[in-house]
């Protein structure tokens, strides 16, 4: 089975909880996982599978702990053609920048040559008090695409 690196970007901890919950579910399905809460590029394997989970801060901005990785990817534009990834955004539809952070990460990863597996999941916290629930449902089909 594939090794999956989970990357969370979180301001208040919601995305961290989702990443940790999904890591447990992946391990139950015999995947090995590693979790990074706001890593730098050198911390990460640039091949394999990433699962990026991010809340949106402010007006569509990345959380402070994910901004450095985004900046490194944007400046260095590394070759990520050996990378496949999934992306989950958490936010509120009350804002016109709903899940703007994960959209920015998705666009940048694709620009670096990474291939997204499955659909981008956007969780509206107004519909889901516990964002782990829709993320777990999404994960059930996403892991089968690997």
Protein backbone atom coordinates (compact mmCIF):
# COMPACT_ATOMS: atom_id res chain seq x y z
CA UNK A 1 0.00 0.00 0.00
CA UNK A 2 0.99 3.62 -0.48
CA UNK A 3 2.57 5.74 2.20
CA UNK A 4 0.56 8.91 2.73
CA UNK A 5 1.89 12.18 4.10
CA UNK A 6 -0.82 14.29 5.72
CA UNK A 7 -0.20 18.03 5.80
CA UNK A 8 -2.44 20.32 7.83
CA UNK A 9 -2.78 24.06 7.78
CA UNK A 10 -4.80 25.29 10.71
CA UNK A 11 -5.46 28.43 12.70
CA UNK A 12 -7.72 27.07 15.44
CA UNK A 13 -6.89 23.36 15.20
CA UNK A 14 -9.82 22.10 13.11
CA UNK A 15 -7.71 21.00 10.14
CA UNK A 16 -5.23 19.32 12.50
CA UNK A 17 -8.05 17.28 14.05
CA UNK A 18 -9.30 16.27 10.61
CA UNK A 19 -5.79 15.24 9.47
CA UNK A 20 -5.24 13.19 12.62
CA UNK A 21 -8.64 11.50 12.26
CA UNK A 22 -7.97 10.65 8.61
CA UNK A 23 -4.53 9.28 9.50
CA UNK A 24 -6.20 6.88 11.94
CA UNK A 25 -8.67 5.78 9.26
CA UNK A 26 -5.90 5.29 6.70
CA UNK A 27 -3.86 3.22 9.14
CA UNK A 28 -6.93 1.06 9.83
CA UNK A 29 -6.99 0.47 6.04
CA UNK A 30 -3.30 -0.64 6.16
CA UNK A 31 -1.76 2.55 4.83
CA UNK A 32 1.21 4.01 6.65
CA UNK A 33 0.96 7.70 7.43
CA UNK A 34 3.02 10.62 8.59
CA UNK A 35 1.48 13.90 9.77
CA UNK A 36 2.98 17.37 9.48
CA UNK A 37 1.27 20.42 10.94
CA UNK A 38 2.78 23.24 8.92
CA UNK A 39 5.91 21.62 7.42
CA UNK A 40 8.66 23.15 5.34
CA UNK A 41 9.44 21.73 1.90
CA UNK A 42 12.64 20.01 3.10
CA UNK A 43 10.54 18.06 5.64
CA UNK A 44 8.53 16.40 2.88
CA UNK A 45 9.05 13.64 0.34
CA UNK A 46 8.48 15.23 -3.06
CA UNK A 47 7.21 11.93 -4.48
CA UNK A 48 4.45 9.63 -3.32
CA UNK A 49 1.11 10.75 -1.91
CA UNK A 50 0.18 13.85 0.08
CA UNK A 51 -3.16 14.62 1.66
CA UNK A 52 -3.44 18.35 2.34
CA UNK A 53 -6.07 19.56 4.82
CA UNK A 54 -6.39 23.30 5.32
CA UNK A 55 -8.72 25.79 6.89
CA UNK A 56 -8.98 29.27 5.40
CA UNK A 57 -7.91 32.29 7.41
CA UNK A 58 -8.96 35.89 6.91
CA UNK A 59 -9.96 36.78 3.35
CA UNK A 60 -9.09 33.47 1.69
CA UNK A 61 -5.60 33.33 3.19
CA UNK A 62 -3.57 30.32 4.18
CA UNK A 63 -3.17 29.62 7.90
CA UNK A 64 0.09 30.97 9.35
CA UNK A 65 1.53 27.47 9.77
CA UNK A 66 1.00 26.56 6.08
CA UNK A 67 2.09 29.88 4.54
CA UNK A 68 5.84 29.09 4.70
CA UNK A 69 5.36 25.86 2.69
CA UNK A 70 3.23 27.70 0.15
CA UNK A 71 5.88 30.43 -0.16
CA UNK A 72 8.66 27.85 -0.67
CA UNK A 73 6.67 26.03 -3.35
CA UNK A 74 5.86 29.31 -5.07
CA UNK A 75 9.46 30.56 -5.00
CA UNK A 76 11.28 27.29 -5.78
CA UNK A 77 8.65 25.76 -8.07
CA UNK A 78 10.08 22.25 -7.51
CA UNK A 79 9.37 19.36 -9.85
CA UNK A 80 6.53 17.49 -8.15
CA UNK A 81 5.65 15.30 -11.15
CA UNK A 82 6.17 12.19 -9.00
CA UNK A 83 3.60 13.38 -6.46
CA UNK A 84 -0.09 12.58 -6.23
CA UNK A 85 -2.25 14.40 -3.72
CA UNK A 86 -5.69 14.88 -2.26
CA UNK A 87 -6.99 18.19 -0.95
CA UNK A 88 -9.55 19.05 1.72
CA UNK A 89 -10.61 22.59 2.59
CA UNK A 90 -12.53 23.69 5.66
CA UNK A 91 -14.35 27.01 5.75
CA UNK A 92 -17.62 28.90 5.92
CA UNK A 93 -19.80 29.63 2.89
CA UNK A 94 -20.66 32.95 4.54
CA UNK A 95 -17.43 34.24 2.99
CA UNK A 96 -16.90 34.75 -0.72
CA UNK A 97 -13.40 33.32 -0.22
CA UNK A 98 -14.86 29.99 0.97
CA UNK A 99 -12.02 27.44 1.11
CA UNK A 100 -9.70 29.89 -0.64
CA UNK A 101 -6.61 28.49 1.08
CA UNK A 102 -7.00 24.95 -0.25
CA UNK A 103 -7.81 26.32 -3.70
CA UNK A 104 -4.49 28.21 -3.66
CA UNK A 105 -2.60 25.09 -2.54
CA UNK A 106 -4.37 22.99 -5.18
CA UNK A 107 -3.45 25.41 -7.96
CA UNK A 108 0.18 25.67 -6.85
CA UNK A 109 0.67 21.92 -6.46
CA UNK A 110 -0.74 21.39 -9.95
CA UNK A 111 1.52 24.15 -11.32
CA UNK A 112 4.50 22.26 -9.82
CA UNK A 113 3.48 19.12 -11.72
CA UNK A 114 1.68 17.19 -8.97
CA UNK A 115 -1.43 15.24 -9.94
CA UNK A 116 -4.57 15.59 -7.83
CA UNK A 117 -6.34 12.32 -7.10
CA UNK A 118 -10.11 12.66 -6.85
CA UNK A 119 -12.16 15.76 -6.28
CA UNK A 120 -11.25 18.68 -4.07
CA UNK A 121 -13.39 18.43 -0.92
CA UNK A 122 -14.72 21.68 0.53
CA UNK A 123 -16.33 21.34 3.94
CA UNK A 124 -18.74 24.07 4.99
CA UNK A 125 -18.59 24.31 8.78
CA UNK A 126 -22.12 25.75 8.78
CA UNK A 127 -23.38 22.39 7.49
CA UNK A 128 -21.03 20.16 9.47
CA UNK A 129 -20.33 20.80 13.16
CA UNK A 130 -17.81 17.97 13.03
CA UNK A 131 -15.72 18.33 9.84
CA UNK A 132 -14.18 14.90 10.43
CA UNK A 133 -17.49 13.30 9.35
CA UNK A 134 -17.65 14.50 5.71
CA UNK A 135 -13.86 14.13 5.45
CA UNK A 136 -14.10 10.49 6.50
CA UNK A 137 -16.85 9.83 3.93
CA UNK A 138 -14.72 11.46 1.20
CA UNK A 139 -11.66 9.46 2.32
CA UNK A 140 -13.59 6.21 1.83
CA UNK A 141 -13.70 6.72 -1.92
CA UNK A 142 -10.44 8.70 -2.26
CA UNK A 143 -8.23 5.95 -0.87
CA UNK A 144 -9.63 3.56 -3.50
CA UNK A 145 -8.30 5.85 -6.25
CA UNK A 146 -4.69 5.46 -5.09
